[in-house]
Structure formats: structure tokens, C-alpha cells
C-alpha atoms as a PDB file:
ATOM      1  CA  MET A   1       0.000   0.000   0.000  1.00  0.00           C
ATOM      2  CA  THR A   2       1.361   3.414  -0.928  1.00  0.00           C
ATOM      3  CA  GLN A   3       1.311   6.412   1.422  1.00  0.00           C
ATOM      4  CA  ASP A   4       0.879  10.054   0.573  1.00  0.00           C
ATOM      5  CA  PRO A   5       4.225  11.625   1.606  1.00  0.00           C
ATOM      6  CA  ARG A   6       2.426  14.844   2.506  1.00  0.00           C
ATOM      7  CA  GLU A   7       0.608  12.936   5.242  1.00  0.00           C
ATOM      8  CA  ALA A   8       3.385  10.605   6.419  1.00  0.00           C
ATOM      9  CA  GLY A   9       4.057  12.778   9.475  1.00  0.00           C
ATOM     10  CA  PRO A  10       2.347  15.539  11.459  1.00  0.00           C
ATOM     11  CA  ARG A  11       1.713  18.694   9.454  1.00  0.00           C
ATOM     12  CA  PRO A  12       1.898  22.293  10.607  1.00  0.00           C
ATOM     13  CA  PRO A  13       0.788  24.198  12.473  1.00  0.00           C
ATOM     14  CA  TYR A  14       2.684  22.662  15.388  1.00  0.00           C
ATOM     15  CA  PRO A  15       2.415  23.934  18.974  1.00  0.00           C
ATOM     16  CA  GLY A  16       4.672  26.976  18.958  1.00  0.00           C
ATOM     17  CA  ASP A  17       4.985  27.797  22.650  1.00  0.00           C
ATOM     18  CA  GLN A  18       7.469  25.072  23.582  1.00  0.00           C
ATOM     19  CA  GLN A  19      10.868  26.731  23.529  1.00  0.00           C
ATOM     20  CA  GLN A  20      13.618  24.982  25.495  1.00  0.00           C
ATOM     21  CA  PRO A  21      17.046  25.933  26.808  1.00  0.00           C
ATOM     22  CA  ARG A  22      20.059  24.134  25.370  1.00  0.00           C
ATOM     23  CA  PRO A  23      20.627  21.272  24.775  1.00  0.00           C
ATOM     24  CA  GLY A  24      16.897  20.380  24.480  1.00  0.00           C
ATOM     25  CA  LEU A  25      15.077  17.176  25.380  1.00  0.00           C
ATOM     26  CA  THR A  26      12.775  14.889  23.403  1.00  0.00           C
ATOM     27  CA  THR A  27      10.388  14.419  26.326  1.00  0.00           C
ATOM     28  CA  LYS A  28       9.408  18.092  26.235  1.00  0.00           C
ATOM     29  CA  MET A  29       8.414  18.135  22.562  1.00  0.00           C
ATOM     30  CA  THR A  30       4.827  18.129  21.276  1.00  0.00           C
ATOM     31  CA  PRO A  31       4.153  16.125  19.197  1.00  0.00           C
ATOM     32  CA  ARG A  32       6.763  13.577  20.222  1.00  0.00           C
ATOM     33  CA  PRO A  33       9.236  12.932  17.409  1.00  0.00           C
ATOM     34  CA  ASP A  34       8.992   9.590  15.631  1.00  0.00           C
ATOM     35  CA  HIS A  35      12.334   7.762  15.730  1.00  0.00           C
ATOM     36  CA  GLY A  36      10.983   4.557  14.235  1.00  0.00           C
ATOM     37  CA  GLU A  37      10.395   2.993  17.637  1.00  0.00           C
ATOM     38  CA  GLU A  38       7.238   1.270  16.420  1.00  0.00           C
ATOM     39  CA  SER A  39       7.905   1.125  12.689  1.00  0.00           C
ATOM     40  CA  TYR A  40      11.493   0.365  11.725  1.00  0.00           C
ATOM     41  CA  VAL A  41      12.061  -3.268  10.715  1.00  0.00           C
ATOM     42  CA  GLY A  42      15.637  -4.454  10.266  1.00  0.00           C
ATOM     43  CA  LYS A  43      16.946  -6.793   7.579  1.00  0.00           C
ATOM     44  CA  GLY A  44      20.235  -7.857   9.183  1.00  0.00           C
ATOM     45  CA  LEU A  45      22.250  -5.446   7.026  1.00  0.00           C
ATOM     46  CA  LEU A  46      24.716  -4.582   9.818  1.00  0.00           C
ATOM     47  CA  MET A  47      24.883  -7.898  11.632  1.00  0.00           C
ATOM     48  CA  GLY A  48      27.846  -8.194  14.004  1.00  0.00           C
ATOM     49  CA  GLN A  49      29.119  -4.680  13.388  1.00  0.00           C
ATOM     50  CA  ALA A  50      29.801  -1.857  15.840  1.00  0.00           C
ATOM     51  CA  ALA A  51      28.831   1.786  15.339  1.00  0.00           C
ATOM     52  CA  LEU A  52      29.676   5.041  17.106  1.00  0.00           C
ATOM     53  CA  ILE A  53      27.012   7.739  16.700  1.00  0.00           C
ATOM     54  CA  THR A  54      27.492  11.279  17.978  1.00  0.00           C
ATOM     55  CA  GLY A  55      24.311  12.987  19.121  1.00  0.00           C
ATOM     56  CA  GLY A  56      22.776   9.541  19.461  1.00  0.00           C
ATOM     57  CA  ASP A  57      20.580  10.436  22.405  1.00  0.00           C
ATOM     58  CA  SER A  58      17.813  12.152  20.435  1.00  0.00           C
ATOM     59  CA  GLY A  59      16.586  13.282  17.041  1.00  0.00           C
ATOM     60  CA  ILE A  60      18.210  11.815  13.956  1.00  0.00           C
ATOM     61  CA  GLY A  61      20.947  10.219  16.063  1.00  0.00           C
ATOM     62  CA  ARG A  62      18.432   8.270  18.130  1.00  0.00           C
ATOM     63  CA  ALA A  63      16.576   7.121  15.028  1.00  0.00           C
ATOM     64  CA  VAL A  64      19.837   5.918  13.490  1.00  0.00           C
ATOM     65  CA  ALA A  65      20.821   4.120  16.704  1.00  0.00           C
ATOM     66  CA  ILE A  66      17.506   2.255  16.773  1.00  0.00           C
ATOM     67  CA  ALA A  67      17.754   1.338  13.095  1.00  0.00           C
ATOM     68  CA  TYR A  68      21.368   0.184  13.338  1.00  0.00           C
ATOM     69  CA  ALA A  69      20.538  -1.977  16.352  1.00  0.00           C
ATOM     70  CA  ARG A  70      17.640  -3.584  14.500  1.00  0.00           C
ATOM     71  CA  GLU A  71      20.007  -4.194  11.592  1.00  0.00           C
ATOM     72  CA  GLY A  72      22.276  -6.135  13.972  1.00  0.00           C
ATOM     73  CA  ALA A  73      24.894  -3.632  15.160  1.00  0.00           C
ATOM     74  CA  ASP A  74      26.097  -2.806  18.654  1.00  0.00           C
ATOM     75  CA  VAL A  75      25.860   0.938  19.188  1.00  0.00           C
ATOM     76  CA  ALA A  76      27.841   3.512  21.150  1.00  0.00           C
ATOM     77  CA  ILE A  77      26.264   6.943  21.454  1.00  0.00           C
ATOM     78  CA  SER A  78      27.845  10.205  22.516  1.00  0.00           C
ATOM     79  CA  TYR A  79      25.886  13.117  23.976  1.00  0.00           C
ATOM     80  CA  LEU A  80      26.124  15.971  26.456  1.00  0.00           C
ATOM     81  CA  GLU A  81      25.701  15.114  30.142  1.00  0.00           C
ATOM     82  CA  ALA A  82      22.535  17.214  30.298  1.00  0.00           C
ATOM     83  CA  GLU A  83      20.989  14.834  27.759  1.00  0.00           C
ATOM     84  CA  GLN A  84      21.318  11.757  29.981  1.00  0.00           C
ATOM     85  CA  GLU A  85      17.552  11.247  30.178  1.00  0.00           C
ATOM     86  CA  ASP A  86      17.231  11.013  26.407  1.00  0.00           C
ATOM     87  CA  ALA A  87      20.328   8.808  26.170  1.00  0.00           C
ATOM     88  CA  GLU A  88      18.890   6.298  28.638  1.00  0.00           C
ATOM     89  CA  ASP A  89      15.728   6.107  26.558  1.00  0.00           C
ATOM     90  CA  THR A  90      17.744   5.425  23.400  1.00  0.00           C
ATOM     91  CA  LYS A  91      19.681   2.717  25.218  1.00  0.00           C
ATOM     92  CA  THR A  92      16.417   1.000  26.154  1.00  0.00           C
ATOM     93  CA  TRP A  93      15.380   0.777  22.504  1.00  0.00           C
ATOM     94  CA  VAL A  94      18.788  -0.499  21.389  1.00  0.00           C
ATOM     95  CA  GLU A  95      18.784  -3.194  24.050  1.00  0.00           C
ATOM     96  CA  GLN A  96      15.233  -4.201  23.178  1.00  0.00           C
ATOM     97  CA  ALA A  97      16.638  -4.991  19.737  1.00  0.00           C
ATOM     98  CA  GLY A  98      19.038  -7.431  21.382  1.00  0.00           C
ATOM     99  CA  ARG A  99      22.175  -5.330  20.920  1.00  0.00           C
ATOM    100  CA  ARG A 100      24.609  -3.682  23.307  1.00  0.00           C
ATOM    101  CA  CYS A 101      24.511   0.073  23.862  1.00  0.00           C
ATOM    102  CA  LEU A 102      27.428   2.046  25.274  1.00  0.00           C
ATOM    103  CA  LEU A 103      26.597   5.484  26.718  1.00  0.00           C
ATOM    104  CA  LEU A 104      29.379   8.061  26.362  1.00  0.00           C
ATOM    105  CA  PRO A 105      28.553  11.474  27.851  1.00  0.00           C
ATOM    106  CA  GLY A 106      30.824  14.432  27.245  1.00  0.00           C
ATOM    107  CA  ASP A 107      31.562  17.347  24.930  1.00  0.00           C
ATOM    108  CA  ILE A 108      32.880  16.563  21.444  1.00  0.00           C
ATOM    109  CA  ARG A 109      34.243  20.090  21.152  1.00  0.00           C
ATOM    110  CA  ASP A 110      37.182  18.674  23.121  1.00  0.00           C
ATOM    111  CA  ALA A 111      39.611  16.800  20.867  1.00  0.00           C
ATOM    112  CA  GLY A 112      40.730  14.530  23.693  1.00  0.00           C
ATOM    113  CA  HIS A 113      37.159  13.485  24.347  1.00  0.00           C
ATOM    114  CA  CYS A 114      36.757  12.603  20.664  1.00  0.00           C
ATOM    115  CA  ARG A 115      39.747  10.282  20.855  1.00  0.00           C
ATOM    116  CA  ASP A 116      38.402   8.777  24.076  1.00  0.00           C
ATOM    117  CA  LEU A 117      35.023   8.064  22.434  1.00  0.00           C
ATOM    118  CA  VAL A 118      36.697   5.933  19.797  1.00  0.00           C
ATOM    119  CA  ALA A 119      38.998   4.204  22.284  1.00  0.00           C
ATOM    120  CA  ARG A 120      36.147   3.268  24.627  1.00  0.00           C
ATOM    121  CA  THR A 121      33.985   2.026  21.762  1.00  0.00           C
ATOM    122  CA  VAL A 122      36.752  -0.249  20.504  1.00  0.00           C
ATOM    123  CA  GLN A 123      37.574  -1.406  24.030  1.00  0.00           C
ATOM    124  CA  THR A 124      33.933  -2.342  24.700  1.00  0.00           C
ATOM    125  CA  PHE A 125      32.938  -3.864  21.362  1.00  0.00           C
ATOM    126  CA  GLY A 126      36.342  -5.041  20.133  1.00  0.00           C
ATOM    127  CA  ARG A 127      35.879  -3.272  16.801  1.00  0.00           C
ATOM    128  CA  LEU A 128      34.578  -0.170  15.054  1.00  0.00           C
ATOM    129  CA  ASP A 129      32.919  -0.497  11.662  1.00  0.00           C
ATOM    130  CA  ILE A 130      30.741   2.597  11.353  1.00  0.00           C
ATOM    131  CA  LEU A 131      31.228   6.191  12.480  1.00  0.00           C
ATOM    132  CA  VAL A 132      28.260   8.561  12.267  1.00  0.00           C
ATOM    133  CA  ASN A 133      29.261  12.193  12.757  1.00  0.00           C
ATOM    134  CA  ASN A 134      25.835  13.576  13.547  1.00  0.00           C
ATOM    135  CA  ALA A 135      25.947  15.866  16.608  1.00  0.00           C
ATOM    136  CA  ALA A 136      25.734  19.553  15.834  1.00  0.00           C
ATOM    137  CA  ALA A 137      25.496  22.958  17.456  1.00  0.00           C
ATOM    138  CA  GLN A 138      23.261  25.594  15.908  1.00  0.00           C
ATOM    139  CA  VAL A 139      23.214  29.333  16.529  1.00  0.00           C
ATOM    140  CA  VAL A 140      20.937  31.787  14.764  1.00  0.00           C
ATOM    141  CA  ASN A 141      21.286  35.455  13.939  1.00  0.00           C
ATOM    142  CA  THR A 142      19.224  38.381  12.743  1.00  0.00           C
ATOM    143  CA  ASP A 143      22.141  40.558  11.709  1.00  0.00           C
ATOM    144  CA  LEU A 144      25.883  40.208  11.229  1.00  0.00           C
ATOM    145  CA  ASP A 145      26.667  41.647  14.662  1.00  0.00           C
ATOM    146  CA  ASP A 146      24.525  39.122  16.563  1.00  0.00           C
ATOM    147  CA  LEU A 147      27.178  36.407  16.743  1.00  0.00           C
ATOM    148  CA  GLU A 148      29.923  36.426  19.339  1.00  0.00           C
ATOM    149  CA  PRO A 149      33.336  34.901  18.598  1.00  0.00           C
ATOM    150  CA  ALA A 150      32.508  32.127  21.079  1.00  0.00           C
ATOM    151  CA  ASP A 151      29.384  31.248  19.068  1.00  0.00           C
ATOM    152  CA  ILE A 152      31.386  30.954  15.874  1.00  0.00           C
ATOM    153  CA  GLU A 153      34.254  28.979  17.383  1.00  0.00           C
ATOM    154  CA  GLY A 154      31.930  26.692  19.341  1.00  0.00           C
ATOM    155  CA  SER A 155      29.910  25.862  16.246  1.00  0.00           C
ATOM    156  CA  PHE A 156      32.962  24.967  14.203  1.00  0.00           C
ATOM    157  CA  ARG A 157      34.425  22.938  17.072  1.00  0.00           C
ATOM    158  CA  ALA A 158      31.225  20.896  17.475  1.00  0.00           C
ATOM    159  CA  ASN A 159      30.269  20.515  13.832  1.00  0.00           C
ATOM    160  CA  VAL A 160      33.550  20.413  11.893  1.00  0.00           C
ATOM    161  CA  PHE A 161      36.573  19.985  14.155  1.00  0.00           C
ATOM    162  CA  ALA A 162      34.964  17.118  16.081  1.00  0.00           C
ATOM    163  CA  MET A 163      34.213  15.332  12.822  1.00  0.00           C
ATOM    164  CA  TYR A 164      37.880  15.568  11.883  1.00  0.00           C
ATOM    165  CA  HIS A 165      39.156  14.431  15.296  1.00  0.00           C
ATOM    166  CA  LEU A 166      36.729  11.504  15.456  1.00  0.00           C
ATOM    167  CA  THR A 167      37.547  10.378  11.930  1.00  0.00           C
ATOM    168  CA  GLN A 168      41.268  10.651  12.595  1.00  0.00           C
ATOM    169  CA  ALA A 169      40.896   8.462  15.685  1.00  0.00           C
ATOM    170  CA  ALA A 170      38.493   5.967  14.118  1.00  0.00           C
ATOM    171  CA  VAL A 171      40.156   5.160  10.795  1.00  0.00           C
ATOM    172  CA  PRO A 172      43.082   3.162  12.257  1.00  0.00           C
ATOM    173  CA  HIS A 173      40.528   0.765  13.777  1.00  0.00           C
ATOM    174  CA  MET A 174      38.384   0.397  10.666  1.00  0.00           C
ATOM    175  CA  LYS A 175      38.837  -2.422   8.181  1.00  0.00           C
ATOM    176  CA  PRO A 176      37.988  -2.405   4.463  1.00  0.00           C
ATOM    177  CA  GLY A 177      34.213  -2.229   4.257  1.00  0.00           C
ATOM    178  CA  GLY A 178      34.005   0.324   7.051  1.00  0.00           C
ATOM    179  CA  ALA A 179      31.817   3.371   6.593  1.00  0.00           C
ATOM    180  CA  ILE A 180      31.703   6.964   7.774  1.00  0.00           C
ATOM    181  CA  VAL A 181      28.400   8.811   7.491  1.00  0.00           C
ATOM    182  CA  ASN A 182      28.314  12.547   8.173  1.00  0.00           C
ATOM    183  CA  SER A 183      25.300  14.768   8.783  1.00  0.00           C
ATOM    184  CA  THR A 184      25.399  17.914   6.690  1.00  0.00           C
ATOM    185  CA  SER A 185      22.219  19.909   5.954  1.00  0.00           C
ATOM    186  CA  VAL A 186      20.120  21.472   3.250  1.00  0.00           C
ATOM    187  CA  GLN A 187      21.591  24.669   4.689  1.00  0.00           C
ATOM    188  CA  ALA A 188      24.904  23.771   3.056  1.00  0.00           C
ATOM    189  CA  LYS A 189      23.294  24.982  -0.185  1.00  0.00           C
ATOM    190  CA  VAL A 190      20.228  27.001   0.829  1.00  0.00           C
ATOM    191  CA  ALA A 191      22.166  29.040   3.427  1.00  0.00           C
ATOM    192  CA  ASP A 192      19.352  30.871   5.190  1.00  0.00           C
ATOM    193  CA  PRO A 193      20.665  34.302   6.298  1.00  0.00           C
ATOM    194  CA  SER A 194      19.516  33.591   9.864  1.00  0.00           C
ATOM    195  CA  MET A 195      21.785  30.513   9.994  1.00  0.00           C
ATOM    196  CA  LEU A 196      24.992  32.159   8.850  1.00  0.00           C
ATOM    197  CA  ILE A 197      27.480  30.081  10.843  1.00  0.00           C
ATOM    198  CA  TYR A 198      25.470  26.857  10.918  1.00  0.00           C
ATOM    199  CA  ALA A 199      25.251  26.916   7.120  1.00  0.00           C
ATOM    200  CA  ALA A 200      28.993  27.545   6.881  1.00  0.00           C
ATOM    201  CA  THR A 201      29.782  24.541   9.069  1.00  0.00           C
ATOM    202  CA  LYS A 202      27.438  22.311   7.090  1.00  0.00           C
ATOM    203  CA  GLY A 203      29.045  23.429   3.832  1.00  0.00           C
ATOM    204  CA  ALA A 204      32.414  22.541   5.317  1.00  0.00           C
ATOM    205  CA  ILE A 205      31.123  19.067   6.246  1.00  0.00           C
ATOM    206  CA  ALA A 206      29.899  18.461   2.694  1.00  0.00           C
ATOM    207  CA  SER A 207      33.282  19.425   1.248  1.00  0.00           C
ATOM    208  CA  LEU A 208      35.231  17.507   3.866  1.00  0.00           C
ATOM    209  CA  THR A 209      33.144  14.419   3.101  1.00  0.00           C
ATOM    210  CA  ILE A 210      34.256  14.477  -0.526  1.00  0.00           C
ATOM    211  CA  SER A 211      37.920  14.983   0.386  1.00  0.00           C
ATOM    212  CA  LEU A 212      37.826  12.196   2.962  1.00  0.00           C
ATOM    213  CA  SER A 213      36.129   9.838   0.519  1.00  0.00           C
ATOM    214  CA  ASN A 214      38.976  10.333  -1.923  1.00  0.00           C
ATOM    215  CA  LEU A 215      41.596   9.968   0.800  1.00  0.00           C
ATOM    216  CA  LEU A 216      40.131   6.813   2.342  1.00  0.00           C
ATOM    217  CA  ALA A 217      38.944   4.964  -0.771  1.00  0.00           C
ATOM    218  CA  PRO A 218      42.322   3.203  -1.122  1.00  0.00           C
ATOM    219  CA  LYS A 219      41.750   1.783   2.375  1.00  0.00           C
ATOM    220  CA  GLY A 220      38.321   0.434   1.389  1.00  0.00           C
ATOM    221  CA  ILE A 221      36.518   2.864   3.705  1.00  0.00           C
ATOM    222  CA  ARG A 222      33.537   4.725   2.269  1.00  0.00           C
ATOM    223  CA  VAL A 223      32.634   8.271   3.333  1.00  0.00           C
ATOM    224  CA  ASN A 224      29.259   9.851   2.551  1.00  0.00           C
ATOM    225  CA  CYS A 225      26.911  12.421   4.002  1.00  0.00           C
ATOM    226  CA  VAL A 226      23.179  12.938   4.459  1.00  0.00           C
ATOM    227  CA  ALA A 227      21.616  16.385   4.064  1.00  0.00           C
ATOM    228  CA  PRO A 228      18.421  16.691   6.129  1.00  0.00           C
ATOM    229  CA  GLY A 229      15.888  19.421   5.544  1.00  0.00           C
ATOM    230  CA  PRO A 230      13.749  20.725   8.441  1.00  0.00           C
ATOM    231  CA  VAL A 231      13.304  17.812  10.856  1.00  0.00           C
ATOM    232  CA  TRP A 232      11.301  17.660  14.099  1.00  0.00           C
ATOM    233  CA  THR A 233      14.135  17.282  16.626  1.00  0.00           C
ATOM    234  CA  PRO A 234      15.072  19.002  19.930  1.00  0.00           C
ATOM    235  CA  ILE A 235      17.319  21.492  18.128  1.00  0.00           C
ATOM    236  CA  GLN A 236      14.190  23.200  16.768  1.00  0.00           C
ATOM    237  CA  PRO A 237      12.630  24.460  20.047  1.00  0.00           C
ATOM    238  CA  ILE A 238      16.078  25.685  21.103  1.00  0.00           C
ATOM    239  CA  VAL A 239      16.625  28.092  18.230  1.00  0.00           C
ATOM    240  CA  LYS A 240      13.178  28.743  16.729  1.00  0.00           C
ATOM    241  CA  SER A 241      10.597  31.297  17.829  1.00  0.00           C
ATOM    242  CA  ALA A 242       7.020  30.201  18.497  1.00  0.00           C
ATOM    243  CA  GLU A 243       5.974  31.486  15.084  1.00  0.00           C
ATOM    244  CA  GLN A 244       8.803  29.613  13.341  1.00  0.00           C
ATOM    245  CA  LEU A 245       8.020  26.385  15.193  1.00  0.00           C
ATOM    246  CA  GLU A 246       4.370  26.535  14.240  1.00  0.00           C
ATOM    247  CA  GLU A 247       5.237  26.627  10.534  1.00  0.00           C
ATOM    248  CA  LEU A 248       8.351  24.407  10.515  1.00  0.00           C
ATOM    249  CA  GLY A 249       8.598  22.660   7.162  1.00  0.00           C
ATOM    250  CA  ALA A 250       5.564  24.418   5.709  1.00  0.00           C
ATOM    251  CA  GLN A 251       7.807  25.952   3.042  1.00  0.00           C
ATOM    252  CA  THR A 252       8.941  22.551   1.733  1.00  0.00           C
ATOM    253  CA  PRO A 253       7.215  21.094  -1.335  1.00  0.00           C
ATOM    254  CA  LEU A 254       5.783  18.352   0.904  1.00  0.00           C
ATOM    255  CA  GLY A 255       4.470  20.983   3.296  1.00  0.00           C
ATOM    256  CA  ARG A 256       5.704  19.627   6.621  1.00  0.00           C
ATOM    257  CA  ALA A 257       8.727  18.914   8.805  1.00  0.00           C
ATOM    258  CA  GLY A 258      10.366  15.529   8.479  1.00  0.00           C
ATOM    259  CA  GLN A 259      10.430  12.994  11.280  1.00  0.00           C
ATOM    260  CA  PRO A 260      13.754  11.495  12.428  1.00  0.00           C
ATOM    261  CA  ALA A 261      12.597   8.038  11.339  1.00  0.00           C
ATOM    262  CA  GLU A 262      12.367   9.282   7.759  1.00  0.00           C
ATOM    263  CA  LEU A 263      16.118   9.907   7.698  1.00  0.00           C
ATOM    264  CA  THR A 264      17.195   6.436   8.805  1.00  0.00           C
ATOM    265  CA  PRO A 265      16.942   4.624   5.448  1.00  0.00           C
ATOM    266  CA  ALA A 266      19.642   6.919   4.054  1.00  0.00           C
ATOM    267  CA  TYR A 267      21.956   6.315   7.017  1.00  0.00           C
ATOM    268  CA  VAL A 268      21.423   2.548   6.798  1.00  0.00           C
ATOM    269  CA  LEU A 269      22.049   2.532   3.047  1.00  0.00           C
ATOM    270  CA  LEU A 270      25.314   4.443   3.386  1.00  0.00           C
ATOM    271  CA  ALA A 271      26.582   2.228   6.222  1.00  0.00           C
ATOM    272  CA  SER A 272      25.651  -1.134   4.724  1.00  0.00           C
ATOM    273  CA  ARG A 273      26.656  -3.340   1.816  1.00  0.00           C
ATOM    274  CA  GLU A 274      23.620  -1.957  -0.014  1.00  0.00           C
ATOM    275  CA  GLY A 275      25.658   1.209  -0.586  1.00  0.00           C
ATOM    276  CA  SER A 276      28.924  -0.499  -1.488  1.00  0.00           C
ATOM    277  CA  TYR A 277      29.474   1.623  -4.626  1.00  0.00           C
ATOM    278  CA  MET A 278      28.612   4.901  -2.922  1.00  0.00           C
ATOM    279  CA  SER A 279      31.393   7.133  -1.639  1.00  0.00           C
ATOM    280  CA  GLY A 280      31.688  10.898  -1.689  1.00  0.00           C
ATOM    281  CA  ALA A 281      27.916  11.184  -2.074  1.00  0.00           C
ATOM    282  CA  LEU A 282      25.550  13.733  -0.567  1.00  0.00           C
ATOM    283  CA  VAL A 283      22.070  12.283  -0.097  1.00  0.00           C
ATOM    284  CA  PRO A 284      19.366  14.952   0.308  1.00  0.00           C
ATOM    285  CA  VAL A 285      16.380  14.131   2.534  1.00  0.00           C
ATOM    286  CA  THR A 286      14.767  17.533   2.401  1.00  0.00           C
ATOM    287  CA  GLY A 287      11.033  17.221   1.857  1.00  0.00           C
ATOM    288  CA  GLY A 288      11.585  18.237  -1.744  1.00  0.00           C
ATOM    289  CA  ILE A 289      13.788  21.305  -1.247  1.00  0.00           C
ATOM    290  CA  PRO A 290      16.282  21.156  -4.141  1.00  0.00           C
ATOM    291  CA  MET A 291      20.024  21.105  -3.506  1.00  0.00           C
ATOM    292  CA  LEU A 292      21.627  22.353  -6.706  1.00  0.00           C
END
């Protein structure tokens, strides 16, 4: 049976008066995001593998963790300490799938912590096959003078530098067939003026993905990225006004925000043997917003 993609998830208007302080929690969102808890069915595509997912406590990261576990992988997730509640919930879903889940709180803006994430994952699971660089910081602006140097540096440390440090630490442990999947954004091309620095970091991730794919192809390691459009995750009530939340995704051709579960097929494809001839690719999941 086919499904109308315009109706595959809640449509705006969404409740607007639900702003949250950083880092944001799933439990405080209305409607609750769909991470595939009740819908994702695995096919054994990642059986016996081990994955490290940054930002795996909530949003797209949680959806990917659930999907990877149901595909047969053990999963380590990194997150900020303030997100412990969400991380515990993700762990429950991973373990219900019969896989191990390693919780790794801390701040990926610290290069030493990035190296420790990889070391602890390998120590616990005995291997590392998949790295998902997904966690991101987002700041918004109205004008050019709105952003402090700390906002700019923090965004690049979380979104770009951490990706580099994690990849640098992970590659020596990865065998041919390993995969790195990075989260960029539709903002890498659309570049909304209110997301000046966020868009810049996501553009850097897209370019770095291509360079890394060329560098690591001789080792048999594939590197790709997924570009989400507006998705109903905890980052939205942190940075959006009530009016913006109410209409999130309304400007997309499909007329709504995406749900985290709708991103997981792309992340599974790029991590599994199903995507064995894909490297250096950017896969848009944008609700129809073109990325030219």
C-alpha cells in the first residue's frame, strides 16, 4: 500500500509555545518525534558490526541508533551530560533490539574526548565499523553583529573539528568495508541568512566528506553524508521562535517537517553493503527542497 508523503508525518501548524534551553530534550516536545520505535524493521544489514554515533541520544541520532541496532549492530552513542535522560531512553530501545549500547557522555568540542570516544567504543565492542558524525550545534542570527566569537568557534568545534578528530581516531581501527556517514544539511546549499554560521559549518562538512572519501577509498573505507531538511528534533525548540516552530517545514514542497525516522533509510544505506558503490555522495532528505 502506498502512502501520501504529505501525510506521512504531522503537518503544521505545530504547537509553537514550547521553547527549550540548550541542549533540548525529546520528552518536552509536542508532538513527540517519531524515531521509528514502532515502525522500523531491520533486515540484518549490519549484523555483528559496531557503530559510534554522535548525538545519538535524540533526534536523527536516536533514530539511526535504533535502526542500526535492529540491523544487527552494537551501538555507542555520545551526547552531552545534560541529555542523559534522552540517552537512557535510546539505550532501552537499542537493548530491546538485542544489541549492546554504550553510553558516552561528554563534549565533542574537546579533541581529547573525541579520541576517548573511539577508544572506549573499541575497548567495549572489540571493533569499530561505522562512524556517524551527527551531533551539531546551531546558533541563529538576525544581523551580522549578533554572533559572538565564542558562538562561531563553538559551532565549528562541534560541527567540523569534532568530525575531523573523530575520523582521525576511528580510521586506524576500521577495516575495508568500514563506513563513515556525516550529517550535513540542506543549509549547506540554501544558506538561510539567519543561519549564517550553521550553514557555513554544514558546507564545510559536505566538502570535507568528498575529500575524505577520496583519501580513504584506497583503504576500502567509504565516506558519505546525508543532508536533512527541516526535521522535528530538539534542536528546533532551542533556536526557533514560536511562530517559526508553528510553521516548521511548511515551506517545503511536501508541506511539513520531516520525522527522524524518515532519515534512517539513508543512514542505513550508506553504512551497509547496499551502498557499497557509494562514496563521496551527498544524499538529500529535504522534503523536496532542491540542492543544486
